[in-house]
Amino acid sequence: MDEIELTELNIRTAIMSKDDLLGIIGLAVADEFAQVGRFDPRTGEPHTSRWDDRREARRGFMNMLEDSRENGWDVLYDGPPLIG
């Protein structure tokens, strides 16, 4: 059986609240690419953006987080994924 090469995946999750709503912004960074995803329950659809540059993806994540705060969202959690 051929050996499968695994890449390290770093994930950061922000859980936010506004009134009685919960929203999520996530950042996933691998060796080959990075992706930012967000879910706003008012739209009902997740949105993702993919970058080849990890620094640009991190900047995109931070911009989304700051924009959310400016739009009245409170950050309940910001860190690695919650498991369990």
PDB file of N, CA and C in Angstrom:
ATOM      1  N   MET A   1       0.853  -1.176   0.000  1.00  0.00           N
ATOM      2  CA  MET A   1       0.000   0.000   0.000  1.00  0.00           C
ATOM      3  C   MET A   1       0.898   1.238   0.000  1.00  0.00           C
ATOM      4  N   ASP A   2       0.583   2.217  -0.843  1.00  0.00           N
ATOM      5  CA  ASP A   2       1.355   3.453  -0.906  1.00  0.00           C
ATOM      6  C   ASP A   2       1.106   4.294   0.331  1.00  0.00           C
ATOM      7  N   GLU A   3       2.167   4.978   0.786  1.00  0.00           N
ATOM      8  CA  GLU A   3       2.036   5.858   1.938  1.00  0.00           C
ATOM      9  C   GLU A   3       1.379   7.167   1.508  1.00  0.00           C
ATOM     10  N   ILE A   4       0.425   7.622   2.256  1.00  0.00           N
ATOM     11  CA  ILE A   4      -0.282   8.866   1.956  1.00  0.00           C
ATOM     12  C   ILE A   4       0.379   9.991   2.730  1.00  0.00           C
ATOM     13  N   GLU A   5       0.724  11.068   2.010  1.00  0.00           N
ATOM     14  CA  GLU A   5       1.335  12.217   2.669  1.00  0.00           C
ATOM     15  C   GLU A   5       0.232  13.108   3.236  1.00  0.00           C
ATOM     16  N   LEU A   6       0.306  13.359   4.515  1.00  0.00           N
ATOM     17  CA  LEU A   6      -0.678  14.213   5.165  1.00  0.00           C
ATOM     18  C   LEU A   6      -0.104  15.609   5.325  1.00  0.00           C
ATOM     19  N   THR A   7      -0.926  16.613   5.094  1.00  0.00           N
ATOM     20  CA  THR A   7      -0.499  17.992   5.300  1.00  0.00           C
ATOM     21  C   THR A   7      -1.092  18.486   6.608  1.00  0.00           C
ATOM     22  N   GLU A   8      -0.388  19.395   7.223  1.00  0.00           N
ATOM     23  CA  GLU A   8      -0.888  19.974   8.463  1.00  0.00           C
ATOM     24  C   GLU A   8      -1.975  20.985   8.139  1.00  0.00           C
ATOM     25  N   LEU A   9      -3.062  20.925   8.853  1.00  0.00           N
ATOM     26  CA  LEU A   9      -4.182  21.834   8.660  1.00  0.00           C
ATOM     27  C   LEU A   9      -4.400  22.601   9.954  1.00  0.00           C
ATOM     28  N   ASN A  10      -4.307  23.911   9.884  1.00  0.00           N
ATOM     29  CA  ASN A  10      -4.558  24.764  11.038  1.00  0.00           C
ATOM     30  C   ASN A  10      -5.924  25.393  10.867  1.00  0.00           C
ATOM     31  N   ILE A  11      -6.710  25.325  11.921  1.00  0.00           N
ATOM     32  CA  ILE A  11      -8.078  25.835  11.860  1.00  0.00           C
ATOM     33  C   ILE A  11      -8.314  26.823  12.996  1.00  0.00           C
ATOM     34  N   ARG A  12      -8.987  27.903  12.668  1.00  0.00           N
ATOM     35  CA  ARG A  12      -9.390  28.900  13.666  1.00  0.00           C
ATOM     36  C   ARG A  12     -10.884  29.159  13.472  1.00  0.00           C
ATOM     37  N   THR A  13     -11.609  29.202  14.564  1.00  0.00           N
ATOM     38  CA  THR A  13     -13.056  29.370  14.526  1.00  0.00           C
ATOM     39  C   THR A  13     -13.471  30.543  15.397  1.00  0.00           C
ATOM     40  N   ALA A  14     -14.339  31.392  14.866  1.00  0.00           N
ATOM     41  CA  ALA A  14     -14.933  32.484  15.655  1.00  0.00           C
ATOM     42  C   ALA A  14     -16.439  32.266  15.684  1.00  0.00           C
ATOM     43  N   ILE A  15     -16.985  32.193  16.880  1.00  0.00           N
ATOM     44  CA  ILE A  15     -18.430  32.075  17.066  1.00  0.00           C
ATOM     45  C   ILE A  15     -18.919  33.407  17.604  1.00  0.00           C
ATOM     46  N   MET A  16     -19.947  33.948  16.955  1.00  0.00           N
ATOM     47  CA  MET A  16     -20.422  35.286  17.298  1.00  0.00           C
ATOM     48  C   MET A  16     -21.928  35.271  17.557  1.00  0.00           C
ATOM     49  N   SER A  17     -22.385  36.283  18.283  1.00  0.00           N
ATOM     50  CA  SER A  17     -23.817  36.419  18.526  1.00  0.00           C
ATOM     51  C   SER A  17     -24.252  37.859  18.272  1.00  0.00           C
ATOM     52  N   LYS A  18     -25.499  37.960  17.848  1.00  0.00           N
ATOM     53  CA  LYS A  18     -26.136  39.261  17.664  1.00  0.00           C
ATOM     54  C   LYS A  18     -27.618  39.046  17.903  1.00  0.00           C
ATOM     55  N   ASP A  19     -28.127  39.716  18.909  1.00  0.00           N
ATOM     56  CA  ASP A  19     -29.513  39.497  19.340  1.00  0.00           C
ATOM     57  C   ASP A  19     -29.683  38.015  19.654  1.00  0.00           C
ATOM     58  N   ASP A  20     -30.579  37.314  18.974  1.00  0.00           N
ATOM     59  CA  ASP A  20     -30.785  35.894  19.250  1.00  0.00           C
ATOM     60  C   ASP A  20     -30.171  35.005  18.162  1.00  0.00           C
ATOM     61  N   LEU A  21     -29.192  35.541  17.406  1.00  0.00           N
ATOM     62  CA  LEU A  21     -28.562  34.807  16.310  1.00  0.00           C
ATOM     63  C   LEU A  21     -27.138  34.386  16.662  1.00  0.00           C
ATOM     64  N   LEU A  22     -26.691  33.280  16.083  1.00  0.00           N
ATOM     65  CA  LEU A  22     -25.310  32.832  16.175  1.00  0.00           C
ATOM     66  C   LEU A  22     -24.726  32.782  14.770  1.00  0.00           C
ATOM     67  N   GLY A  23     -23.515  33.273  14.597  1.00  0.00           N
ATOM     68  CA  GLY A  23     -22.810  33.226  13.324  1.00  0.00           C
ATOM     69  C   GLY A  23     -21.431  32.645  13.528  1.00  0.00           C
ATOM     70  N   ILE A  24     -20.839  32.154  12.451  1.00  0.00           N
ATOM     71  CA  ILE A  24     -19.529  31.531  12.529  1.00  0.00           C
ATOM     72  C   ILE A  24     -18.653  32.029  11.386  1.00  0.00           C
ATOM     73  N   ILE A  25     -17.381  32.295  11.702  1.00  0.00           N
ATOM     74  CA  ILE A  25     -16.363  32.547  10.694  1.00  0.00           C
ATOM     75  C   ILE A  25     -15.239  31.564  10.980  1.00  0.00           C
ATOM     76  N   GLY A  26     -14.774  30.868   9.948  1.00  0.00           N
ATOM     77  CA  GLY A  26     -13.711  29.892  10.135  1.00  0.00           C
ATOM     78  C   GLY A  26     -12.581  30.109   9.143  1.00  0.00           C
ATOM     79  N   LEU A  27     -11.382  29.823   9.582  1.00  0.00           N
ATOM     80  CA  LEU A  27     -10.192  29.902   8.747  1.00  0.00           C
ATOM     81  C   LEU A  27      -9.502  28.542   8.776  1.00  0.00           C
ATOM     82  N   ALA A  28      -9.253  27.975   7.603  1.00  0.00           N
ATOM     83  CA  ALA A  28      -8.516  26.718   7.483  1.00  0.00           C
ATOM     84  C   ALA A  28      -7.289  26.980   6.619  1.00  0.00           C
ATOM     85  N   VAL A  29      -6.112  26.681   7.156  1.00  0.00           N
ATOM     86  CA  VAL A  29      -4.858  26.938   6.449  1.00  0.00           C
ATOM     87  C   VAL A  29      -4.109  25.613   6.300  1.00  0.00           C
ATOM     88  N   ALA A  30      -3.816  25.245   5.061  1.00  0.00           N
ATOM     89  CA  ALA A  30      -3.011  24.057   4.754  1.00  0.00           C
ATOM     90  C   ALA A  30      -1.769  24.518   3.998  1.00  0.00           C
ATOM     91  N   ASP A  31      -0.899  23.581   3.669  1.00  0.00           N
ATOM     92  CA  ASP A  31       0.318  23.935   2.940  1.00  0.00           C
ATOM     93  C   ASP A  31      -0.002  24.497   1.554  1.00  0.00           C
ATOM     94  N   GLU A  32      -0.983  23.943   0.877  1.00  0.00           N
ATOM     95  CA  GLU A  32      -1.269  24.313  -0.508  1.00  0.00           C
ATOM     96  C   GLU A  32      -2.202  25.503  -0.672  1.00  0.00           C
ATOM     97  N   PHE A  33      -3.068  25.738   0.287  1.00  0.00           N
ATOM     98  CA  PHE A  33      -4.066  26.797   0.150  1.00  0.00           C
ATOM     99  C   PHE A  33      -4.622  27.162   1.519  1.00  0.00           C
ATOM    100  N   ALA A  34      -5.452  28.193   1.521  1.00  0.00           N
ATOM    101  CA  ALA A  34      -6.171  28.585   2.737  1.00  0.00           C
ATOM    102  C   ALA A  34      -7.595  28.937   2.340  1.00  0.00           C
ATOM    103  N   GLN A  35      -8.517  28.746   3.256  1.00  0.00           N
ATOM    104  CA  GLN A  35      -9.917  29.005   2.961  1.00  0.00           C
ATOM    105  C   GLN A  35     -10.586  29.653   4.169  1.00  0.00           C
ATOM    106  N   VAL A  36     -11.439  30.627   3.887  1.00  0.00           N
ATOM    107  CA  VAL A  36     -12.235  31.287   4.915  1.00  0.00           C
ATOM    108  C   VAL A  36     -13.696  30.994   4.608  1.00  0.00           C
ATOM    109  N   GLY A  37     -14.428  30.593   5.623  1.00  0.00           N
ATOM    110  CA  GLY A  37     -15.848  30.339   5.468  1.00  0.00           C
ATOM    111  C   GLY A  37     -16.629  31.085   6.526  1.00  0.00           C
ATOM    112  N   ARG A  38     -17.827  31.486   6.181  1.00  0.00           N
ATOM    113  CA  ARG A  38     -18.668  32.156   7.175  1.00  0.00           C
ATOM    114  C   ARG A  38     -20.110  31.718   6.974  1.00  0.00           C
ATOM    115  N   PHE A  39     -20.823  31.729   8.089  1.00  0.00           N
ATOM    116  CA  PHE A  39     -22.247  31.433   8.045  1.00  0.00           C
ATOM    117  C   PHE A  39     -22.982  32.495   8.839  1.00  0.00           C
ATOM    118  N   ASP A  40     -23.858  33.219   8.159  1.00  0.00           N
ATOM    119  CA  ASP A  40     -24.745  34.203   8.775  1.00  0.00           C
ATOM    120  C   ASP A  40     -26.149  33.615   8.662  1.00  0.00           C
ATOM    121  N   PRO A  41     -26.798  33.314   9.787  1.00  0.00           N
ATOM    122  CA  PRO A  41     -28.094  32.639   9.731  1.00  0.00           C
ATOM    123  C   PRO A  41     -29.180  33.445   9.014  1.00  0.00           C
ATOM    124  N   ARG A  42     -28.974  34.741   8.854  1.00  0.00           N
ATOM    125  CA  ARG A  42     -29.985  35.543   8.156  1.00  0.00           C
ATOM    126  C   ARG A  42     -30.016  35.233   6.666  1.00  0.00           C
ATOM    127  N   THR A  43     -28.886  34.789   6.113  1.00  0.00           N
ATOM    128  CA  THR A  43     -28.849  34.451   4.688  1.00  0.00           C
ATOM    129  C   THR A  43     -29.187  32.989   4.446  1.00  0.00           C
ATOM    130  N   GLY A  44     -28.899  32.133   5.439  1.00  0.00           N
ATOM    131  CA  GLY A  44     -29.199  30.716   5.307  1.00  0.00           C
ATOM    132  C   GLY A  44     -28.219  29.943   4.450  1.00  0.00           C
ATOM    133  N   GLU A  45     -27.242  30.606   3.876  1.00  0.00           N
ATOM    134  CA  GLU A  45     -26.267  29.952   3.011  1.00  0.00           C
ATOM    135  C   GLU A  45     -24.851  30.264   3.494  1.00  0.00           C
ATOM    136  N   PRO A  46     -23.986  29.252   3.573  1.00  0.00           N
ATOM    137  CA  PRO A  46     -22.582  29.532   3.906  1.00  0.00           C
ATOM    138  C   PRO A  46     -21.883  30.171   2.708  1.00  0.00           C
ATOM    139  N   HIS A  47     -20.827  30.916   2.984  1.00  0.00           N
ATOM    140  CA  HIS A  47     -20.021  31.545   1.939  1.00  0.00           C
ATOM    141  C   HIS A  47     -18.565  31.192   2.208  1.00  0.00           C
ATOM    142  N   THR A  48     -17.836  30.772   1.183  1.00  0.00           N
ATOM    143  CA  THR A  48     -16.424  30.460   1.346  1.00  0.00           C
ATOM    144  C   THR A  48     -15.588  31.202   0.313  1.00  0.00           C
ATOM    145  N   SER A  49     -14.372  31.509   0.688  1.00  0.00           N
ATOM    146  CA  SER A  49     -13.389  32.122  -0.200  1.00  0.00           C
ATOM    147  C   SER A  49     -12.094  31.350  -0.044  1.00  0.00           C
ATOM    148  N   ARG A  50     -11.434  31.090  -1.168  1.00  0.00           N
ATOM    149  CA  ARG A  50     -10.189  30.325  -1.147  1.00  0.00           C
ATOM    150  C   ARG A  50      -9.037  31.191  -1.660  1.00  0.00           C
ATOM    151  N   TRP A  51      -7.881  31.077  -0.987  1.00  0.00           N
ATOM    152  CA  TRP A  51      -6.690  31.832  -1.356  1.00  0.00           C
ATOM    153  C   TRP A  51      -5.521  30.883  -1.538  1.00  0.00           C
ATOM    154  N   ASP A  52      -4.617  31.233  -2.432  1.00  0.00           N
ATOM    155  CA  ASP A  52      -3.351  30.519  -2.553  1.00  0.00           C
ATOM    156  C   ASP A  52      -2.330  31.075  -1.565  1.00  0.00           C
ATOM    157  N   ASP A  53      -2.523  32.310  -1.140  1.00  0.00           N
ATOM    158  CA  ASP A  53      -1.623  32.986  -0.201  1.00  0.00           C
ATOM    159  C   ASP A  53      -2.222  32.919   1.203  1.00  0.00           C
ATOM    160  N   ARG A  54      -1.538  32.216   2.092  1.00  0.00           N
ATOM    161  CA  ARG A  54      -2.060  32.036   3.461  1.00  0.00           C
ATOM    162  C   ARG A  54      -2.175  33.353   4.217  1.00  0.00           C
ATOM    163  N   ARG A  55      -1.241  34.271   3.986  1.00  0.00           N
ATOM    164  CA  ARG A  55      -1.302  35.565   4.681  1.00  0.00           C
ATOM    165  C   ARG A  55      -2.523  36.364   4.253  1.00  0.00           C
ATOM    166  N   GLU A  56      -2.843  36.297   2.970  1.00  0.00           N
ATOM    167  CA  GLU A  56      -4.032  36.998   2.476  1.00  0.00           C
ATOM    168  C   GLU A  56      -5.305  36.402   3.084  1.00  0.00           C
ATOM    169  N   ALA A  57      -5.337  35.090   3.233  1.00  0.00           N
ATOM    170  CA  ALA A  57      -6.496  34.439   3.846  1.00  0.00           C
ATOM    171  C   ALA A  57      -6.645  34.868   5.303  1.00  0.00           C
ATOM    172  N   ARG A  58      -5.538  34.905   6.031  1.00  0.00           N
ATOM    173  CA  ARG A  58      -5.596  35.353   7.435  1.00  0.00           C
ATOM    174  C   ARG A  58      -6.086  36.797   7.512  1.00  0.00           C
ATOM    175  N   ARG A  59      -5.595  37.622   6.588  1.00  0.00           N
ATOM    176  CA  ARG A  59      -6.043  39.016   6.544  1.00  0.00           C
ATOM    177  C   ARG A  59      -7.546  39.083   6.238  1.00  0.00           C
ATOM    178  N   GLY A  60      -8.010  38.243   5.309  1.00  0.00           N
ATOM    179  CA  GLY A  60      -9.437  38.186   4.998  1.00  0.00           C
ATOM    180  C   GLY A  60     -10.271  37.773   6.203  1.00  0.00           C
ATOM    181  N   PHE A  61      -9.777  36.781   6.957  1.00  0.00           N
ATOM    182  CA  PHE A  61     -10.463  36.335   8.168  1.00  0.00           C
ATOM    183  C   PHE A  61     -10.566  37.480   9.173  1.00  0.00           C
ATOM    184  N   MET A  62      -9.441  38.157   9.405  1.00  0.00           N
ATOM    185  CA  MET A  62      -9.429  39.251  10.375  1.00  0.00           C
ATOM    186  C   MET A  62     -10.338  40.397   9.927  1.00  0.00           C
ATOM    187  N   ASN A  63     -10.367  40.683   8.638  1.00  0.00           N
ATOM    188  CA  ASN A  63     -11.255  41.733   8.124  1.00  0.00           C
ATOM    189  C   ASN A  63     -12.720  41.366   8.333  1.00  0.00           C
ATOM    190  N   MET A  64     -13.080  40.094   8.062  1.00  0.00           N
ATOM    191  CA  MET A  64     -14.462  39.658   8.286  1.00  0.00           C
ATOM    192  C   MET A  64     -14.837  39.764   9.758  1.00  0.00           C
ATOM    193  N   LEU A  65     -13.909  39.377  10.617  1.00  0.00           N
ATOM    194  CA  LEU A  65     -14.160  39.439  12.061  1.00  0.00           C
ATOM    195  C   LEU A  65     -14.356  40.888  12.511  1.00  0.00           C
ATOM    196  N   GLU A  66     -13.497  41.791  12.051  1.00  0.00           N
ATOM    197  CA  GLU A  66     -13.610  43.206  12.413  1.00  0.00           C
ATOM    198  C   GLU A  66     -14.896  43.818  11.848  1.00  0.00           C
ATOM    199  N   ASP A  67     -15.227  43.501  10.604  1.00  0.00           N
ATOM    200  CA  ASP A  67     -16.475  44.005  10.011  1.00  0.00           C
ATOM    201  C   ASP A  67     -17.687  43.525  10.803  1.00  0.00           C
ATOM    202  N   SER A  68     -17.653  42.272  11.238  1.00  0.00           N
ATOM    203  CA  SER A  68     -18.763  41.729  12.032  1.00  0.00           C
ATOM    204  C   SER A  68     -18.907  42.476  13.349  1.00  0.00           C
ATOM    205  N   ARG A  69     -17.786  42.747  14.010  1.00  0.00           N
ATOM    206  CA  ARG A  69     -17.833  43.514  15.264  1.00  0.00           C
ATOM    207  C   ARG A  69     -18.420  44.908  15.036  1.00  0.00           C
ATOM    208  N   GLU A  70     -17.988  45.555  13.953  1.00  0.00           N
ATOM    209  CA  GLU A  70     -18.497  46.888  13.639  1.00  0.00           C
ATOM    210  C   GLU A  70     -19.990  46.863  13.324  1.00  0.00           C
ATOM    211  N   ASN A  71     -20.485  45.711  12.855  1.00  0.00           N
ATOM    212  CA  ASN A  71     -21.910  45.571  12.544  1.00  0.00           C
ATOM    213  C   ASN A  71     -22.727  45.035  13.719  1.00  0.00           C
ATOM    214  N   GLY A  72     -22.141  45.060  14.916  1.00  0.00           N
ATOM    215  CA  GLY A  72     -22.903  44.735  16.114  1.00  0.00           C
ATOM    216  C   GLY A  72     -22.819  43.304  16.607  1.00  0.00           C
ATOM    217  N   TRP A  73     -21.982  42.474  15.991  1.00  0.00           N
ATOM    218  CA  TRP A  73     -21.818  41.104  16.453  1.00  0.00           C
ATOM    219  C   TRP A  73     -20.825  41.080  17.621  1.00  0.00           C
ATOM    220  N   ASP A  74     -21.115  40.266  18.633  1.00  0.00           N
ATOM    221  CA  ASP A  74     -20.211  40.037  19.750  1.00  0.00           C
ATOM    222  C   ASP A  74     -19.492  38.711  19.533  1.00  0.00           C
ATOM    223  N   VAL A  75     -18.188  38.683  19.779  1.00  0.00           N
ATOM    224  CA  VAL A  75     -17.427  37.451  19.628  1.00  0.00           C
ATOM    225  C   VAL A  75     -17.523  36.656  20.929  1.00  0.00           C
ATOM    226  N   LEU A  76     -18.100  35.454  20.846  1.00  0.00           N
ATOM    227  CA  LEU A  76     -18.228  34.577  22.009  1.00  0.00           C
ATOM    228  C   LEU A  76     -17.012  33.684  22.167  1.00  0.00           C
ATOM    229  N   TYR A  77     -16.408  33.303  21.039  1.00  0.00           N
ATOM    230  CA  TYR A  77     -15.265  32.408  21.059  1.00  0.00           C
ATOM    231  C   TYR A  77     -14.415  32.692  19.824  1.00  0.00           C
ATOM    232  N   ASP A  78     -13.102  32.670  19.973  1.00  0.00           N
ATOM    233  CA  ASP A  78     -12.182  32.841  18.851  1.00  0.00           C
ATOM    234  C   ASP A  78     -10.945  32.012  19.150  1.00  0.00           C
ATOM    235  N   GLY A  79     -10.800  30.871  18.468  1.00  0.00           N
ATOM    236  CA  GLY A  79      -9.669  30.002  18.723  1.00  0.00           C
ATOM    237  C   GLY A  79      -9.756  28.725  17.918  1.00  0.00           C
ATOM    238  N   PRO A  80      -9.086  27.651  18.383  1.00  0.00           N
ATOM    239  CA  PRO A  80      -9.141  26.383  17.673  1.00  0.00           C
ATOM    240  C   PRO A  80     -10.548  25.795  17.748  1.00  0.00           C
ATOM    241  N   PRO A  81     -10.868  24.870  16.838  1.00  0.00           N
ATOM    242  CA  PRO A  81     -12.220  24.274  16.856  1.00  0.00           C
ATOM    243  C   PRO A  81     -12.546  23.652  18.199  1.00  0.00           C
ATOM    244  N   LEU A  82     -13.783  23.759  18.571  1.00  0.00           N
ATOM    245  CA  LEU A  82     -14.256  23.138  19.818  1.00  0.00           C
ATOM    246  C   LEU A  82     -14.624  21.697  19.514  1.00  0.00           C
ATOM    247  N   ILE A  83     -14.095  20.794  20.295  1.00  0.00           N
ATOM    248  CA  ILE A  83     -14.353  19.372  20.069  1.00  0.00           C
ATOM    249  C   ILE A  83     -14.964  18.793  21.339  1.00  0.00           C
ATOM    250  N   GLY A  84     -16.039  18.040  21.147  1.00  0.00           N
ATOM    251  CA  GLY A  84     -16.628  17.359  22.292  1.00  0.00           C
ATOM    252  C   GLY A  84     -17.967  17.867  22.666  1.00  0.00           C
TER     253      GLY A  84
END
